[in-house]
Amino acid sequence: MSHPFKPLLDLADRCGPIELLLVDVDGVLTDGVIAIDDKGVETKHFHVRDGSAFHLWKKAGKRAAILSGRWAPLVDRRAAELGIAPVIQGAPQKGGPFRALLRDLGLDAKQVCYVGDDLADLPVLNAVGLAACPADAAPEVRESVQFVSTVPGGRGAIREIVEVILKHQGVWDELVDRYRIPA
């Protein structure tokens, strides 16, 4: 499938204008398992390196948001811990909320990297400047994106995607150098 933004753009060209990292939750920030205990309490596993990626992203002056088809209170909690806002949950049809988000933030779709993993993500993946997915995304998703991480969802895929974008934007090394200063 061809992408609506100049199909011949390479990864560096697509990474350049990215200002917003927009991510799905289940299968992207998590391993896709929805664990519910016998009291009805839902749990999810988030990877610590994905969390640090959001901190680096923000240090680079970028914005991050969540667009999820499901709703879970713990997603709001994790987003608050990481300073991710806005958080849009309970949106199984993602196109409308995505367009509203662009309007609200004053962004063009080419300034967005969306990370999704399943069929419901395809409308947004096909609209953004950089479409990415974890290694274990649905085959139709992997065929539609410009970047597929080497790791599955919930296992550092966001960290890898953030690193790729920030390296192409020329700011990764400066961000990492801040951590190299001896204590």
N, C-alpha and C. Protein backbone atom coordinates (compact mmCIF):
# COMPACT_ATOMS: atom_id res chain seq x y z
N MET A 1 0.85 -1.18 0.00
CA MET A 1 0.00 0.00 0.00
C MET A 1 0.89 1.24 0.00
N SER A 2 0.57 2.21 -0.82
CA SER A 2 1.37 3.42 -0.85
C SER A 2 0.91 4.37 0.25
N HIS A 3 1.83 5.15 0.72
CA HIS A 3 1.58 6.10 1.79
C HIS A 3 1.20 7.44 1.17
N PRO A 4 0.25 8.19 1.74
CA PRO A 4 -0.22 9.43 1.13
C PRO A 4 0.83 10.54 1.06
N PHE A 5 1.90 10.46 1.86
CA PHE A 5 2.93 11.50 1.84
C PHE A 5 4.11 11.03 1.01
N LYS A 6 4.23 11.49 -0.20
CA LYS A 6 5.38 11.21 -1.05
C LYS A 6 5.96 9.84 -0.76
N PRO A 7 5.45 8.79 -1.37
CA PRO A 7 5.87 7.43 -1.05
C PRO A 7 7.38 7.20 -1.13
N LEU A 8 8.10 8.06 -1.84
CA LEU A 8 9.53 7.84 -2.00
C LEU A 8 10.36 8.48 -0.88
N LEU A 9 9.72 9.11 0.10
CA LEU A 9 10.47 9.68 1.21
C LEU A 9 11.18 8.57 1.98
N ASP A 10 12.42 8.83 2.36
CA ASP A 10 13.12 7.83 3.16
C ASP A 10 12.88 8.09 4.65
N LEU A 11 13.41 7.20 5.47
CA LEU A 11 13.16 7.28 6.91
C LEU A 11 13.65 8.61 7.48
N ALA A 12 14.80 9.08 7.06
CA ALA A 12 15.33 10.35 7.57
C ALA A 12 14.39 11.50 7.24
N ASP A 13 13.86 11.52 6.01
CA ASP A 13 12.93 12.58 5.61
C ASP A 13 11.65 12.52 6.44
N ARG A 14 11.19 11.33 6.76
CA ARG A 14 9.97 11.17 7.54
C ARG A 14 10.20 11.55 9.00
N CYS A 15 11.38 11.26 9.55
CA CYS A 15 11.68 11.56 10.95
C CYS A 15 11.85 13.05 11.18
N GLY A 16 12.38 13.76 10.22
CA GLY A 16 12.70 15.17 10.38
C GLY A 16 11.62 16.03 10.99
N PRO A 17 10.40 16.01 10.45
CA PRO A 17 9.36 16.91 10.97
C PRO A 17 8.59 16.41 12.19
N ILE A 18 8.92 15.23 12.72
CA ILE A 18 8.11 14.64 13.79
C ILE A 18 8.20 15.47 15.07
N GLU A 19 7.03 15.87 15.59
CA GLU A 19 6.92 16.63 16.84
C GLU A 19 6.05 15.92 17.87
N LEU A 20 5.20 15.02 17.40
CA LEU A 20 4.29 14.30 18.30
C LEU A 20 4.47 12.81 18.14
N LEU A 21 4.70 12.13 19.27
CA LEU A 21 4.71 10.68 19.31
C LEU A 21 3.37 10.25 19.86
N LEU A 22 2.58 9.61 19.01
CA LEU A 22 1.24 9.15 19.35
C LEU A 22 1.26 7.63 19.38
N VAL A 23 0.84 7.04 20.49
CA VAL A 23 0.97 5.60 20.64
C VAL A 23 -0.33 4.94 21.08
N ASP A 24 -0.52 3.73 20.58
CA ASP A 24 -1.56 2.84 21.06
C ASP A 24 -1.03 2.23 22.37
N VAL A 25 -1.86 1.52 23.09
CA VAL A 25 -1.43 0.95 24.37
C VAL A 25 -1.23 -0.56 24.25
N ASP A 26 -2.33 -1.32 24.16
CA ASP A 26 -2.24 -2.78 24.17
C ASP A 26 -1.52 -3.27 22.92
N GLY A 27 -0.41 -3.97 23.14
CA GLY A 27 0.39 -4.48 22.03
C GLY A 27 1.48 -3.53 21.59
N VAL A 28 1.50 -2.31 22.13
CA VAL A 28 2.54 -1.32 21.81
C VAL A 28 3.29 -0.95 23.09
N LEU A 29 2.59 -0.30 24.02
CA LEU A 29 3.20 -0.01 25.32
C LEU A 29 3.22 -1.23 26.21
N THR A 30 2.38 -2.20 25.89
CA THR A 30 2.32 -3.45 26.65
C THR A 30 2.54 -4.61 25.71
N ASP A 31 2.65 -5.80 26.29
CA ASP A 31 2.84 -7.00 25.48
C ASP A 31 1.54 -7.49 24.85
N GLY A 32 0.46 -6.77 25.07
CA GLY A 32 -0.82 -7.13 24.48
C GLY A 32 -1.67 -8.03 25.35
N VAL A 33 -1.11 -8.51 26.45
CA VAL A 33 -1.87 -9.35 27.37
C VAL A 33 -2.74 -8.45 28.24
N ILE A 34 -4.02 -8.79 28.31
CA ILE A 34 -4.93 -8.10 29.21
C ILE A 34 -5.26 -9.08 30.32
N ALA A 35 -4.57 -8.92 31.46
CA ALA A 35 -4.73 -9.84 32.57
C ALA A 35 -5.77 -9.28 33.54
N ILE A 36 -6.79 -10.08 33.84
CA ILE A 36 -7.84 -9.67 34.76
C ILE A 36 -7.92 -10.72 35.87
N ASP A 37 -7.74 -10.26 37.12
CA ASP A 37 -7.77 -11.21 38.22
C ASP A 37 -9.21 -11.57 38.58
N ASP A 38 -9.37 -12.46 39.55
CA ASP A 38 -10.71 -12.95 39.89
C ASP A 38 -11.60 -11.90 40.55
N LYS A 39 -11.04 -10.73 40.86
CA LYS A 39 -11.83 -9.62 41.39
C LYS A 39 -12.13 -8.58 40.31
N GLY A 40 -11.72 -8.89 39.07
CA GLY A 40 -11.99 -7.99 37.96
C GLY A 40 -10.98 -6.87 37.79
N VAL A 41 -9.84 -6.97 38.50
CA VAL A 41 -8.81 -5.94 38.41
C VAL A 41 -7.89 -6.25 37.23
N GLU A 42 -7.78 -5.28 36.34
CA GLU A 42 -6.96 -5.45 35.15
C GLU A 42 -5.52 -5.01 35.43
N THR A 43 -4.57 -5.78 34.91
CA THR A 43 -3.17 -5.39 35.02
C THR A 43 -2.53 -5.41 33.64
N LYS A 44 -1.51 -4.59 33.50
CA LYS A 44 -0.74 -4.53 32.25
C LYS A 44 0.73 -4.41 32.65
N HIS A 45 1.60 -4.85 31.75
CA HIS A 45 3.04 -4.74 31.98
C HIS A 45 3.60 -3.69 31.03
N PHE A 46 4.28 -2.69 31.61
CA PHE A 46 4.94 -1.64 30.84
C PHE A 46 6.45 -1.81 30.99
N HIS A 47 7.19 -1.53 29.93
CA HIS A 47 8.65 -1.68 29.97
C HIS A 47 9.30 -0.38 30.43
N VAL A 48 10.26 -0.50 31.34
CA VAL A 48 10.91 0.68 31.91
C VAL A 48 11.64 1.49 30.85
N ARG A 49 12.23 0.84 29.84
CA ARG A 49 12.95 1.61 28.81
C ARG A 49 12.00 2.40 27.93
N ASP A 50 10.77 1.93 27.77
CA ASP A 50 9.78 2.75 27.06
C ASP A 50 9.49 4.00 27.88
N GLY A 51 9.40 3.84 29.20
CA GLY A 51 9.19 5.00 30.07
C GLY A 51 10.32 6.00 29.94
N SER A 52 11.57 5.52 29.95
CA SER A 52 12.70 6.44 29.81
C SER A 52 12.70 7.09 28.44
N ALA A 53 12.20 6.39 27.44
CA ALA A 53 12.13 6.98 26.09
C ALA A 53 11.20 8.20 26.08
N PHE A 54 10.08 8.11 26.81
CA PHE A 54 9.18 9.26 26.87
C PHE A 54 9.85 10.45 27.58
N HIS A 55 10.66 10.17 28.59
CA HIS A 55 11.38 11.25 29.28
C HIS A 55 12.39 11.90 28.33
N LEU A 56 13.12 11.09 27.57
CA LEU A 56 14.06 11.63 26.59
C LEU A 56 13.33 12.44 25.52
N TRP A 57 12.20 11.92 25.07
CA TRP A 57 11.39 12.59 24.06
C TRP A 57 10.99 13.98 24.54
N LYS A 58 10.54 14.05 25.78
CA LYS A 58 10.14 15.35 26.35
C LYS A 58 11.35 16.28 26.51
N LYS A 59 12.50 15.73 26.91
CA LYS A 59 13.72 16.54 27.03
C LYS A 59 14.12 17.13 25.68
N ALA A 60 13.76 16.46 24.61
CA ALA A 60 14.05 16.95 23.27
C ALA A 60 13.03 18.01 22.84
N GLY A 61 12.08 18.33 23.73
CA GLY A 61 11.08 19.36 23.43
C GLY A 61 9.90 18.87 22.63
N LYS A 62 9.68 17.57 22.64
CA LYS A 62 8.61 16.96 21.85
C LYS A 62 7.39 16.67 22.72
N ARG A 63 6.28 16.39 22.04
CA ARG A 63 5.02 16.05 22.73
C ARG A 63 4.70 14.57 22.51
N ALA A 64 3.95 14.02 23.45
CA ALA A 64 3.52 12.62 23.36
C ALA A 64 2.06 12.53 23.77
N ALA A 65 1.34 11.60 23.14
CA ALA A 65 -0.07 11.38 23.44
C ALA A 65 -0.39 9.90 23.25
N ILE A 66 -1.51 9.50 23.82
CA ILE A 66 -1.99 8.12 23.71
C ILE A 66 -3.33 8.13 23.00
N LEU A 67 -3.50 7.16 22.10
CA LEU A 67 -4.77 6.93 21.40
C LEU A 67 -5.05 5.44 21.45
N SER A 68 -6.00 5.04 22.31
CA SER A 68 -6.26 3.63 22.55
C SER A 68 -7.73 3.29 22.29
N GLY A 69 -7.95 2.13 21.73
CA GLY A 69 -9.31 1.66 21.49
C GLY A 69 -10.02 1.22 22.75
N ARG A 70 -9.25 0.76 23.74
CA ARG A 70 -9.82 0.32 25.01
C ARG A 70 -9.67 1.42 26.04
N TRP A 71 -10.31 1.20 27.20
CA TRP A 71 -10.17 2.12 28.31
C TRP A 71 -9.78 1.33 29.54
N ALA A 72 -8.74 1.82 30.25
CA ALA A 72 -8.32 1.21 31.51
C ALA A 72 -7.75 2.31 32.40
N PRO A 73 -8.20 2.37 33.66
CA PRO A 73 -7.72 3.42 34.56
C PRO A 73 -6.20 3.44 34.72
N LEU A 74 -5.57 2.27 34.67
CA LEU A 74 -4.13 2.23 34.88
C LEU A 74 -3.37 2.88 33.74
N VAL A 75 -3.98 3.04 32.57
CA VAL A 75 -3.33 3.76 31.47
C VAL A 75 -3.22 5.24 31.82
N ASP A 76 -4.28 5.80 32.41
CA ASP A 76 -4.21 7.19 32.86
C ASP A 76 -3.12 7.37 33.91
N ARG A 77 -3.00 6.41 34.80
CA ARG A 77 -1.97 6.49 35.84
C ARG A 77 -0.58 6.45 35.24
N ARG A 78 -0.33 5.50 34.33
CA ARG A 78 1.00 5.40 33.70
C ARG A 78 1.29 6.65 32.88
N ALA A 79 0.31 7.15 32.16
CA ALA A 79 0.50 8.37 31.36
C ALA A 79 0.86 9.54 32.26
N ALA A 80 0.20 9.66 33.40
CA ALA A 80 0.50 10.75 34.34
C ALA A 80 1.93 10.63 34.86
N GLU A 81 2.36 9.40 35.17
CA GLU A 81 3.73 9.19 35.64
C GLU A 81 4.75 9.65 34.61
N LEU A 82 4.42 9.47 33.34
CA LEU A 82 5.36 9.79 32.25
C LEU A 82 5.14 11.17 31.65
N GLY A 83 4.11 11.87 32.12
CA GLY A 83 3.84 13.20 31.58
C GLY A 83 3.28 13.17 30.17
N ILE A 84 2.53 12.13 29.85
CA ILE A 84 1.93 12.00 28.53
C ILE A 84 0.53 12.58 28.56
N ALA A 85 0.26 13.52 27.67
CA ALA A 85 -1.08 14.11 27.56
C ALA A 85 -1.19 14.77 26.20
N PRO A 86 -2.33 14.65 25.60
CA PRO A 86 -3.57 14.06 26.08
C PRO A 86 -3.57 12.53 25.98
N VAL A 87 -4.49 11.96 26.73
CA VAL A 87 -4.72 10.51 26.70
C VAL A 87 -6.15 10.30 26.22
N ILE A 88 -6.26 9.67 25.06
CA ILE A 88 -7.57 9.38 24.48
C ILE A 88 -7.77 7.87 24.57
N GLN A 89 -8.78 7.46 25.34
CA GLN A 89 -9.07 6.04 25.51
C GLN A 89 -10.51 5.76 25.10
N GLY A 90 -10.79 4.49 24.85
CA GLY A 90 -12.15 4.08 24.50
C GLY A 90 -12.54 4.55 23.10
N ALA A 91 -11.57 4.56 22.19
CA ALA A 91 -11.81 5.03 20.82
C ALA A 91 -11.51 3.91 19.82
N PRO A 92 -12.43 2.95 19.67
CA PRO A 92 -12.16 1.84 18.75
C PRO A 92 -12.03 2.29 17.29
N GLN A 93 -12.73 3.38 16.93
CA GLN A 93 -12.58 4.00 15.60
C GLN A 93 -11.65 5.19 15.81
N LYS A 94 -10.41 5.09 15.37
CA LYS A 94 -9.39 6.05 15.76
C LYS A 94 -9.25 7.26 14.84
N GLY A 95 -9.82 7.20 13.65
CA GLY A 95 -9.66 8.29 12.69
C GLY A 95 -10.19 9.63 13.18
N GLY A 96 -11.41 9.65 13.67
CA GLY A 96 -12.02 10.89 14.15
C GLY A 96 -11.26 11.51 15.32
N PRO A 97 -10.97 10.72 16.36
CA PRO A 97 -10.19 11.27 17.47
C PRO A 97 -8.80 11.76 17.03
N PHE A 98 -8.20 11.08 16.07
CA PHE A 98 -6.89 11.51 15.55
C PHE A 98 -7.00 12.88 14.89
N ARG A 99 -7.98 13.06 14.02
CA ARG A 99 -8.16 14.35 13.35
C ARG A 99 -8.46 15.46 14.36
N ALA A 100 -9.26 15.16 15.37
CA ALA A 100 -9.56 16.14 16.42
C ALA A 100 -8.29 16.50 17.19
N LEU A 101 -7.45 15.51 17.47
CA LEU A 101 -6.20 15.75 18.17
C LEU A 101 -5.30 16.69 17.36
N LEU A 102 -5.20 16.44 16.07
CA LEU A 102 -4.40 17.33 15.21
C LEU A 102 -4.90 18.77 15.30
N ARG A 103 -6.21 18.94 15.21
CA ARG A 103 -6.80 20.29 15.31
C ARG A 103 -6.49 20.92 16.67
N ASP A 104 -6.69 20.15 17.74
CA ASP A 104 -6.47 20.67 19.09
C ASP A 104 -5.02 21.07 19.33
N LEU A 105 -4.08 20.32 18.76
CA LEU A 105 -2.66 20.59 18.98
C LEU A 105 -2.05 21.50 17.91
N GLY A 106 -2.83 21.79 16.87
CA GLY A 106 -2.32 22.64 15.79
C GLY A 106 -1.20 22.00 15.00
N LEU A 107 -1.31 20.70 14.79
CA LEU A 107 -0.28 19.97 14.07
C LEU A 107 -0.79 19.46 12.73
N ASP A 108 0.13 19.22 11.83
CA ASP A 108 -0.15 18.56 10.56
C ASP A 108 0.16 17.07 10.74
N ALA A 109 -0.52 16.22 10.03
CA ALA A 109 -0.30 14.77 10.16
C ALA A 109 1.14 14.37 9.89
N LYS A 110 1.85 15.11 9.01
CA LYS A 110 3.24 14.76 8.72
C LYS A 110 4.17 15.00 9.91
N GLN A 111 3.69 15.70 10.94
CA GLN A 111 4.48 15.94 12.15
C GLN A 111 4.26 14.87 13.21
N VAL A 112 3.51 13.83 12.87
CA VAL A 112 3.14 12.80 13.83
C VAL A 112 3.78 11.46 13.47
N CYS A 113 4.35 10.82 14.50
CA CYS A 113 4.71 9.41 14.41
C CYS A 113 3.66 8.66 15.22
N TYR A 114 2.96 7.75 14.56
CA TYR A 114 2.00 6.93 15.27
C TYR A 114 2.54 5.51 15.34
N VAL A 115 2.42 4.91 16.52
CA VAL A 115 2.86 3.53 16.72
C VAL A 115 1.64 2.70 17.07
N GLY A 116 1.32 1.76 16.20
CA GLY A 116 0.18 0.87 16.39
C GLY A 116 0.57 -0.55 16.05
N ASP A 117 -0.33 -1.48 16.37
CA ASP A 117 0.01 -2.89 16.17
C ASP A 117 -1.07 -3.74 15.52
N ASP A 118 -2.28 -3.19 15.36
CA ASP A 118 -3.36 -4.05 14.87
C ASP A 118 -4.21 -3.31 13.84
N LEU A 119 -5.18 -4.00 13.30
CA LEU A 119 -5.98 -3.49 12.18
C LEU A 119 -6.66 -2.16 12.49
N ALA A 120 -7.14 -1.98 13.72
CA ALA A 120 -7.82 -0.73 14.07
C ALA A 120 -6.89 0.48 13.98
N ASP A 121 -5.58 0.24 13.96
CA ASP A 121 -4.60 1.32 13.87
C ASP A 121 -4.32 1.76 12.43
N LEU A 122 -4.72 0.97 11.46
CA LEU A 122 -4.38 1.26 10.06
C LEU A 122 -4.82 2.63 9.57
N PRO A 123 -6.04 3.11 9.88
CA PRO A 123 -6.41 4.44 9.38
C PRO A 123 -5.45 5.54 9.83
N VAL A 124 -5.00 5.49 11.07
CA VAL A 124 -4.07 6.51 11.57
C VAL A 124 -2.67 6.25 11.01
N LEU A 125 -2.24 5.01 10.99
CA LEU A 125 -0.93 4.69 10.43
C LEU A 125 -0.80 5.16 8.99
N ASN A 126 -1.88 5.06 8.24
CA ASN A 126 -1.85 5.47 6.83
C ASN A 126 -1.97 6.97 6.64
N ALA A 127 -2.17 7.72 7.72
CA ALA A 127 -2.35 9.17 7.60
C ALA A 127 -1.15 9.98 8.09
N VAL A 128 -0.27 9.38 8.89
CA VAL A 128 0.79 10.14 9.55
C VAL A 128 2.08 10.22 8.72
N GLY A 129 2.95 11.11 9.17
CA GLY A 129 4.24 11.28 8.51
C GLY A 129 5.17 10.10 8.70
N LEU A 130 5.13 9.49 9.88
CA LEU A 130 5.93 8.30 10.15
C LEU A 130 5.05 7.28 10.86
N ALA A 131 4.85 6.15 10.23
CA ALA A 131 4.07 5.05 10.79
C ALA A 131 5.06 3.99 11.26
N ALA A 132 4.88 3.53 12.50
CA ALA A 132 5.79 2.54 13.08
C ALA A 132 4.99 1.50 13.84
N CYS A 133 5.63 0.35 14.07
CA CYS A 133 4.98 -0.72 14.82
C CYS A 133 6.01 -1.60 15.49
N PRO A 134 5.58 -2.35 16.50
CA PRO A 134 6.45 -3.34 17.13
C PRO A 134 6.66 -4.52 16.18
N ALA A 135 7.69 -5.31 16.46
CA ALA A 135 8.03 -6.46 15.63
C ALA A 135 6.89 -7.47 15.52
N ASP A 136 6.06 -7.58 16.56
CA ASP A 136 5.00 -8.59 16.56
C ASP A 136 3.63 -8.04 16.15
N ALA A 137 3.61 -6.91 15.46
CA ALA A 137 2.35 -6.34 14.98
C ALA A 137 1.72 -7.26 13.94
N ALA A 138 0.45 -7.06 13.68
CA ALA A 138 -0.26 -7.83 12.66
C ALA A 138 0.45 -7.66 11.32
N PRO A 139 0.45 -8.70 10.50
CA PRO A 139 1.14 -8.62 9.21
C PRO A 139 0.70 -7.43 8.36
N GLU A 140 -0.59 -7.14 8.36
CA GLU A 140 -1.10 -6.02 7.57
C GLU A 140 -0.54 -4.69 8.05
N VAL A 141 -0.29 -4.59 9.34
CA VAL A 141 0.31 -3.38 9.91
C VAL A 141 1.78 -3.30 9.51
N ARG A 142 2.51 -4.38 9.68
CA ARG A 142 3.94 -4.39 9.32
C ARG A 142 4.13 -4.01 7.85
N GLU A 143 3.21 -4.43 7.00
CA GLU A 143 3.30 -4.10 5.56
C GLU A 143 2.99 -2.64 5.27
N SER A 144 2.30 -1.95 6.18
CA SER A 144 1.83 -0.59 5.94
C SER A 144 2.70 0.51 6.52
N VAL A 145 3.66 0.15 7.36
CA VAL A 145 4.45 1.16 8.07
C VAL A 145 5.81 1.37 7.42
N GLN A 146 6.47 2.46 7.84
CA GLN A 146 7.81 2.74 7.35
C GLN A 146 8.90 2.21 8.27
N PHE A 147 8.53 1.92 9.54
CA PHE A 147 9.52 1.41 10.48
C PHE A 147 8.91 0.33 11.35
N VAL A 148 9.57 -0.82 11.39
CA VAL A 148 9.18 -1.94 12.26
C VAL A 148 10.31 -2.13 13.26
N SER A 149 9.99 -2.06 14.55
CA SER A 149 11.02 -2.24 15.56
C SER A 149 11.53 -3.68 15.53
N THR A 150 12.67 -3.88 16.14
CA THR A 150 13.25 -5.22 16.20
C THR A 150 12.73 -6.02 17.39
N VAL A 151 11.97 -5.35 18.27
CA VAL A 151 11.45 -6.00 19.47
C VAL A 151 9.92 -5.92 19.49
N PRO A 152 9.28 -6.84 20.20
CA PRO A 152 7.82 -6.82 20.27
C PRO A 152 7.28 -5.71 21.17
N GLY A 153 5.98 -5.50 21.08
CA GLY A 153 5.31 -4.52 21.93
C GLY A 153 5.51 -4.83 23.39
N GLY A 154 5.66 -3.78 24.21
CA GLY A 154 5.86 -3.95 25.63
C GLY A 154 7.24 -4.42 26.01
N ARG A 155 8.15 -4.46 25.06
CA ARG A 155 9.51 -4.94 25.30
C ARG A 155 10.57 -3.94 24.84
N GLY A 156 10.20 -2.65 24.80
CA GLY A 156 11.16 -1.61 24.42
C GLY A 156 11.00 -1.10 23.00
N ALA A 157 9.90 -1.42 22.35
CA ALA A 157 9.68 -0.94 20.98
C ALA A 157 9.62 0.58 20.91
N ILE A 158 8.97 1.20 21.87
CA ILE A 158 8.89 2.67 21.87
C ILE A 158 10.27 3.26 22.05
N ARG A 159 11.09 2.69 22.90
CA ARG A 159 12.45 3.18 23.09
C ARG A 159 13.21 3.16 21.77
N GLU A 160 13.10 2.06 21.04
CA GLU A 160 13.80 1.94 19.77
C GLU A 160 13.30 2.97 18.77
N ILE A 161 12.00 3.18 18.69
CA ILE A 161 11.42 4.12 17.75
C ILE A 161 11.83 5.55 18.10
N VAL A 162 11.80 5.90 19.39
CA VAL A 162 12.22 7.23 19.82
C VAL A 162 13.70 7.45 19.46
N GLU A 163 14.51 6.46 19.71
CA GLU A 163 15.94 6.57 19.40
C GLU A 163 16.15 6.80 17.91
N VAL A 164 15.46 6.07 17.07
CA VAL A 164 15.60 6.23 15.62
C VAL A 164 15.21 7.65 15.19
N ILE A 165 14.08 8.13 15.68
CA ILE A 165 13.63 9.48 15.30
C ILE A 165 14.63 10.53 15.77
N LEU A 166 15.01 10.47 17.04
CA LEU A 166 15.90 11.51 17.59
C LEU A 166 17.30 11.44 16.98
N LYS A 167 17.76 10.26 16.61
CA LYS A 167 19.05 10.17 15.89
C LYS A 167 18.94 10.85 14.53
N HIS A 168 17.85 10.59 13.82
CA HIS A 168 17.66 11.24 12.52
C HIS A 168 17.49 12.75 12.64
N GLN A 169 16.99 13.20 13.77
CA GLN A 169 16.84 14.64 14.00
C GLN A 169 18.11 15.27 14.57
N GLY A 170 19.11 14.45 14.85
CA GLY A 170 20.40 14.95 15.30
C GLY A 170 20.49 15.37 16.75
N VAL A 171 19.57 14.89 17.60
CA VAL A 171 19.59 15.29 19.01
C VAL A 171 19.86 14.15 19.99
N TRP A 172 19.90 12.91 19.50
CA TRP A 172 20.07 11.77 20.39
C TRP A 172 21.37 11.84 21.18
N ASP A 173 22.49 12.07 20.50
CA ASP A 173 23.79 12.05 21.18
C ASP A 173 23.86 13.08 22.29
N GLU A 174 23.33 14.27 22.05
CA GLU A 174 23.33 15.32 23.07
C GLU A 174 22.52 14.89 24.30
N LEU A 175 21.38 14.26 24.06
CA LEU A 175 20.55 13.78 25.18
C LEU A 175 21.28 12.69 25.97
N VAL A 176 21.92 11.78 25.28
CA VAL A 176 22.62 10.68 25.94
C VAL A 176 23.86 11.20 26.68
N ASP A 177 24.53 12.21 26.14
CA ASP A 177 25.73 12.76 26.79
C ASP A 177 25.43 13.26 28.19
N ARG A 178 24.21 13.71 28.43
CA ARG A 178 23.83 14.19 29.77
C ARG A 178 23.94 13.08 30.81
N TYR A 179 23.80 11.83 30.37
CA TYR A 179 23.89 10.70 31.29
C TYR A 179 25.32 10.21 31.49
N ARG A 180 26.23 10.65 30.64
CA ARG A 180 27.62 10.20 30.71
C ARG A 180 28.46 10.97 31.71
N ILE A 181 27.92 12.00 32.31
CA ILE A 181 28.65 12.82 33.27
C ILE A 181 28.82 11.99 34.56
N PRO A 182 30.05 11.86 35.05
CA PRO A 182 30.26 11.06 36.27
C PRO A 182 29.52 11.66 37.46
N ALA A 183 29.13 10.80 38.36
CA ALA A 183 28.39 11.24 39.57
C ALA A 183 29.31 11.96 40.53
